[in-house]
Amino acid sequence: MTAVTARVARLTESDWRLFAGVRLRALTDSLGENDSQYQQESTFTAAQWRRRMRDHAQFAALIGNRPVGLIGAQPENAETVYLYSLWLDPVARGHGLARPLVAAAVDWARDRRARTVTLRVAADTAVPVEVTRAIARNNRL
């Protein structure tokens, strides 16, 4: 397997176009264009994308300037942060990029003094389940 050099960056409100593009790619890849979530988000306005960027922390894995991975983090309450939508572009899978994405979101939660981080993973997705278990063991809050 060829080594892939990527960096993880927290996206800001000014990155809303980049985020919208990768988010819609993720939804298409994971759920398909006929899914209601994709159909709803594909009609978002610039203001709606910017609000998502303000209200949630979004992290992207980037190879060069191309986003190839994504994870979101949302405060549920003062002590809990919910991680969601961990996704990697098919060409970026199998290169260990999920770990730094989740670690960046966990670090963000830790900086917010969260005591608990939750992440829901579909049971039929064996690789993300194993990846998140391994990351959880190494990233206790």
C-alpha atoms as a PDB file:
ATOM      1  CA  MET A   1       0.000   0.000   0.000  1.00  0.00           C
ATOM      2  CA  THR A   2       1.353   3.396  -0.966  1.00  0.00           C
ATOM      3  CA  ALA A   3       1.778   5.914   1.831  1.00  0.00           C
ATOM      4  CA  VAL A   4      -0.593   8.867   1.604  1.00  0.00           C
ATOM      5  CA  THR A   5       0.359  12.209   3.084  1.00  0.00           C
ATOM      6  CA  ALA A   6      -2.634  14.146   4.270  1.00  0.00           C
ATOM      7  CA  ARG A   7      -3.305  16.897   6.717  1.00  0.00           C
ATOM      8  CA  VAL A   8      -6.402  17.465   8.825  1.00  0.00           C
ATOM      9  CA  ALA A   9      -7.802  20.958   9.062  1.00  0.00           C
ATOM     10  CA  ARG A  10     -10.705  22.454  10.927  1.00  0.00           C
ATOM     11  CA  LEU A  11     -12.879  24.159   8.360  1.00  0.00           C
ATOM     12  CA  THR A  12     -14.129  27.670   9.006  1.00  0.00           C
ATOM     13  CA  GLU A  13     -17.207  29.497   7.839  1.00  0.00           C
ATOM     14  CA  SER A  14     -15.265  30.852   4.863  1.00  0.00           C
ATOM     15  CA  ASP A  15     -14.686  27.224   3.759  1.00  0.00           C
ATOM     16  CA  TRP A  16     -18.404  26.611   3.286  1.00  0.00           C
ATOM     17  CA  ARG A  17     -18.110  25.928  -0.472  1.00  0.00           C
ATOM     18  CA  LEU A  18     -15.381  23.334   0.066  1.00  0.00           C
ATOM     19  CA  PHE A  19     -17.400  21.784   2.889  1.00  0.00           C
ATOM     20  CA  ALA A  20     -20.619  21.720   0.856  1.00  0.00           C
ATOM     21  CA  GLY A  21     -18.869  19.943  -1.995  1.00  0.00           C
ATOM     22  CA  VAL A  22     -17.268  17.248   0.140  1.00  0.00           C
ATOM     23  CA  ARG A  23     -20.395  16.799   2.269  1.00  0.00           C
ATOM     24  CA  LEU A  24     -22.535  16.214  -0.819  1.00  0.00           C
ATOM     25  CA  ARG A  25     -19.899  13.810  -2.211  1.00  0.00           C
ATOM     26  CA  ALA A  26     -19.995  11.923   1.093  1.00  0.00           C
ATOM     27  CA  LEU A  27     -23.781  11.713   1.092  1.00  0.00           C
ATOM     28  CA  THR A  28     -23.839  10.558  -2.540  1.00  0.00           C
ATOM     29  CA  ASP A  29     -21.220   7.898  -1.840  1.00  0.00           C
ATOM     30  CA  SER A  30     -22.808   6.686   1.404  1.00  0.00           C
ATOM     31  CA  LEU A  31     -26.531   7.069   0.784  1.00  0.00           C
ATOM     32  CA  GLY A  32     -27.068   7.947  -2.874  1.00  0.00           C
ATOM     33  CA  GLU A  33     -28.686  10.934  -4.523  1.00  0.00           C
ATOM     34  CA  ASN A  34     -32.196   9.568  -3.897  1.00  0.00           C
ATOM     35  CA  ASP A  35     -31.734   9.679  -0.115  1.00  0.00           C
ATOM     36  CA  SER A  36     -33.760  12.324   1.690  1.00  0.00           C
ATOM     37  CA  GLN A  37     -30.709  13.678   3.542  1.00  0.00           C
ATOM     38  CA  TYR A  38     -28.868  14.253   0.268  1.00  0.00           C
ATOM     39  CA  GLN A  39     -31.936  15.787  -1.340  1.00  0.00           C
ATOM     40  CA  GLN A  40     -32.395  18.178   1.585  1.00  0.00           C
ATOM     41  CA  GLU A  41     -28.761  19.273   1.837  1.00  0.00           C
ATOM     42  CA  SER A  42     -28.299  19.594  -1.925  1.00  0.00           C
ATOM     43  CA  THR A  43     -30.781  22.493  -1.791  1.00  0.00           C
ATOM     44  CA  PHE A  44     -29.036  24.340   1.065  1.00  0.00           C
ATOM     45  CA  THR A  45     -28.329  27.999   0.487  1.00  0.00           C
ATOM     46  CA  ALA A  46     -24.975  29.621   1.231  1.00  0.00           C
ATOM     47  CA  ALA A  47     -26.471  30.911   4.493  1.00  0.00           C
ATOM     48  CA  GLN A  48     -27.483  27.386   5.548  1.00  0.00           C
ATOM     49  CA  TRP A  49     -24.007  26.003   4.828  1.00  0.00           C
ATOM     50  CA  ARG A  50     -22.424  28.883   6.744  1.00  0.00           C
ATOM     51  CA  ARG A  51     -24.723  28.255   9.704  1.00  0.00           C
ATOM     52  CA  ARG A  52     -23.682  24.595   9.722  1.00  0.00           C
ATOM     53  CA  MET A  53     -20.065  25.739   9.822  1.00  0.00           C
ATOM     54  CA  ARG A  54     -20.783  28.076  12.748  1.00  0.00           C
ATOM     55  CA  ASP A  55     -22.858  25.629  14.769  1.00  0.00           C
ATOM     56  CA  HIS A  56     -20.706  22.513  14.281  1.00  0.00           C
ATOM     57  CA  ALA A  57     -16.975  21.897  14.080  1.00  0.00           C
ATOM     58  CA  GLN A  58     -16.113  20.365  10.707  1.00  0.00           C
ATOM     59  CA  PHE A  59     -12.779  18.691  10.034  1.00  0.00           C
ATOM     60  CA  ALA A  60     -11.465  17.654   6.628  1.00  0.00           C
ATOM     61  CA  ALA A  61      -8.627  15.383   5.614  1.00  0.00           C
ATOM     62  CA  LEU A  62      -6.844  17.052   2.717  1.00  0.00           C
ATOM     63  CA  ILE A  63      -4.388  15.669   0.221  1.00  0.00           C
ATOM     64  CA  GLY A  64      -2.907  18.816  -1.215  1.00  0.00           C
ATOM     65  CA  ASN A  65      -5.959  21.053  -1.338  1.00  0.00           C
ATOM     66  CA  ARG A  66      -8.379  18.247  -2.205  1.00  0.00           C
ATOM     67  CA  PRO A  67     -10.699  17.162   0.615  1.00  0.00           C
ATOM     68  CA  VAL A  68     -10.773  13.366   0.882  1.00  0.00           C
ATOM     69  CA  GLY A  69     -12.330  12.924   4.307  1.00  0.00           C
ATOM     70  CA  LEU A  70     -14.719  14.540   6.710  1.00  0.00           C
ATOM     71  CA  ILE A  71     -16.009  14.368  10.262  1.00  0.00           C
ATOM     72  CA  GLY A  72     -18.356  16.685  12.128  1.00  0.00           C
ATOM     73  CA  ALA A  73     -18.533  17.456  15.846  1.00  0.00           C
ATOM     74  CA  GLN A  74     -21.517  18.996  17.583  1.00  0.00           C
ATOM     75  CA  PRO A  75     -21.953  19.907  21.236  1.00  0.00           C
ATOM     76  CA  GLU A  76     -24.957  18.042  22.648  1.00  0.00           C
ATOM     77  CA  ASN A  77     -24.682  19.729  26.027  1.00  0.00           C
ATOM     78  CA  ALA A  78     -21.985  21.220  28.263  1.00  0.00           C
ATOM     79  CA  GLU A  79     -20.315  17.839  28.830  1.00  0.00           C
ATOM     80  CA  THR A  80     -20.990  15.841  25.661  1.00  0.00           C
ATOM     81  CA  VAL A  81     -19.857  16.207  22.063  1.00  0.00           C
ATOM     82  CA  TYR A  82     -21.392  14.106  19.310  1.00  0.00           C
ATOM     83  CA  LEU A  83     -19.189  13.104  16.365  1.00  0.00           C
ATOM     84  CA  TYR A  84     -20.946  12.349  13.111  1.00  0.00           C
ATOM     85  CA  SER A  85     -20.507  11.735   9.414  1.00  0.00           C
ATOM     86  CA  LEU A  86     -17.059  10.166   9.430  1.00  0.00           C
ATOM     87  CA  TRP A  87     -16.404   9.647   5.723  1.00  0.00           C
ATOM     88  CA  LEU A  88     -13.440   8.994   3.469  1.00  0.00           C
ATOM     89  CA  ASP A  89     -13.349   9.211  -0.295  1.00  0.00           C
ATOM     90  CA  PRO A  90     -13.000   5.681  -1.715  1.00  0.00           C
ATOM     91  CA  VAL A  91      -9.513   6.527  -3.067  1.00  0.00           C
ATOM     92  CA  ALA A  92      -8.395   7.559   0.439  1.00  0.00           C
ATOM     93  CA  ARG A  93      -9.695   4.504   2.303  1.00  0.00           C
ATOM     94  CA  GLY A  94      -7.265   2.053   3.808  1.00  0.00           C
ATOM     95  CA  HIS A  95      -4.526   4.633   4.365  1.00  0.00           C
ATOM     96  CA  GLY A  96      -5.140   5.371   8.051  1.00  0.00           C
ATOM     97  CA  LEU A  97      -6.805   8.750   7.517  1.00  0.00           C
ATOM     98  CA  ALA A  98      -9.804   8.055   9.748  1.00  0.00           C
ATOM     99  CA  ARG A  99      -7.613   8.096  12.848  1.00  0.00           C
ATOM    100  CA  PRO A 100      -6.323  11.668  12.489  1.00  0.00           C
ATOM    101  CA  LEU A 101      -9.817  12.885  11.569  1.00  0.00           C
ATOM    102  CA  VAL A 102     -11.371  11.390  14.691  1.00  0.00           C
ATOM    103  CA  ALA A 103      -8.395  12.488  16.801  1.00  0.00           C
ATOM    104  CA  ALA A 104      -8.834  16.100  15.643  1.00  0.00           C
ATOM    105  CA  ALA A 105     -12.519  16.031  16.598  1.00  0.00           C
ATOM    106  CA  VAL A 106     -11.731  14.423  19.975  1.00  0.00           C
ATOM    107  CA  ASP A 107      -9.051  17.067  20.614  1.00  0.00           C
ATOM    108  CA  TRP A 108     -11.640  19.755  19.840  1.00  0.00           C
ATOM    109  CA  ALA A 109     -14.034  18.130  22.319  1.00  0.00           C
ATOM    110  CA  ARG A 110     -11.259  17.926  24.911  1.00  0.00           C
ATOM    111  CA  ASP A 111     -10.500  21.643  24.401  1.00  0.00           C
ATOM    112  CA  ARG A 112     -14.196  22.326  25.126  1.00  0.00           C
ATOM    113  CA  ARG A 113     -13.776  20.330  28.346  1.00  0.00           C
ATOM    114  CA  ALA A 114     -16.225  17.665  27.206  1.00  0.00           C
ATOM    115  CA  ARG A 115     -16.328  14.623  29.445  1.00  0.00           C
ATOM    116  CA  THR A 116     -18.000  12.357  26.885  1.00  0.00           C
ATOM    117  CA  VAL A 117     -17.721  11.967  23.140  1.00  0.00           C
ATOM    118  CA  THR A 118     -20.287   9.876  21.287  1.00  0.00           C
ATOM    119  CA  LEU A 119     -20.171   8.535  17.757  1.00  0.00           C
ATOM    120  CA  ARG A 120     -22.851   6.508  16.068  1.00  0.00           C
ATOM    121  CA  VAL A 121     -21.631   4.006  13.468  1.00  0.00           C
ATOM    122  CA  ALA A 122     -23.861   1.750  11.389  1.00  0.00           C
ATOM    123  CA  ALA A 123     -23.490  -1.836  12.600  1.00  0.00           C
ATOM    124  CA  ASP A 124     -23.057  -3.123   9.042  1.00  0.00           C
ATOM    125  CA  THR A 125     -19.964  -0.981   8.516  1.00  0.00           C
ATOM    126  CA  ALA A 126     -17.253  -3.234   9.940  1.00  0.00           C
ATOM    127  CA  VAL A 127     -14.203  -1.100   9.170  1.00  0.00           C
ATOM    128  CA  PRO A 128     -15.471   2.143  10.765  1.00  0.00           C
ATOM    129  CA  VAL A 129     -16.639   0.181  13.820  1.00  0.00           C
ATOM    130  CA  GLU A 130     -13.167  -1.287  14.339  1.00  0.00           C
ATOM    131  CA  VAL A 131     -11.450   2.030  13.589  1.00  0.00           C
ATOM    132  CA  THR A 132     -13.594   3.943  16.071  1.00  0.00           C
ATOM    133  CA  ARG A 133     -13.110   1.299  18.777  1.00  0.00           C
ATOM    134  CA  ALA A 134      -9.344   1.479  18.351  1.00  0.00           C
ATOM    135  CA  ILE A 135      -9.378   5.271  18.388  1.00  0.00           C
ATOM    136  CA  ALA A 136     -11.620   5.350  21.458  1.00  0.00           C
ATOM    137  CA  ARG A 137      -9.182   3.132  23.362  1.00  0.00           C
ATOM    138  CA  ASN A 138      -6.372   5.588  22.623  1.00  0.00           C
ATOM    139  CA  ASN A 139      -8.267   8.864  23.118  1.00  0.00           C
ATOM    140  CA  ARG A 140      -9.853   8.751  26.538  1.00  0.00           C
ATOM    141  CA  LEU A 141     -11.106  12.152  27.669  1.00  0.00           C
END
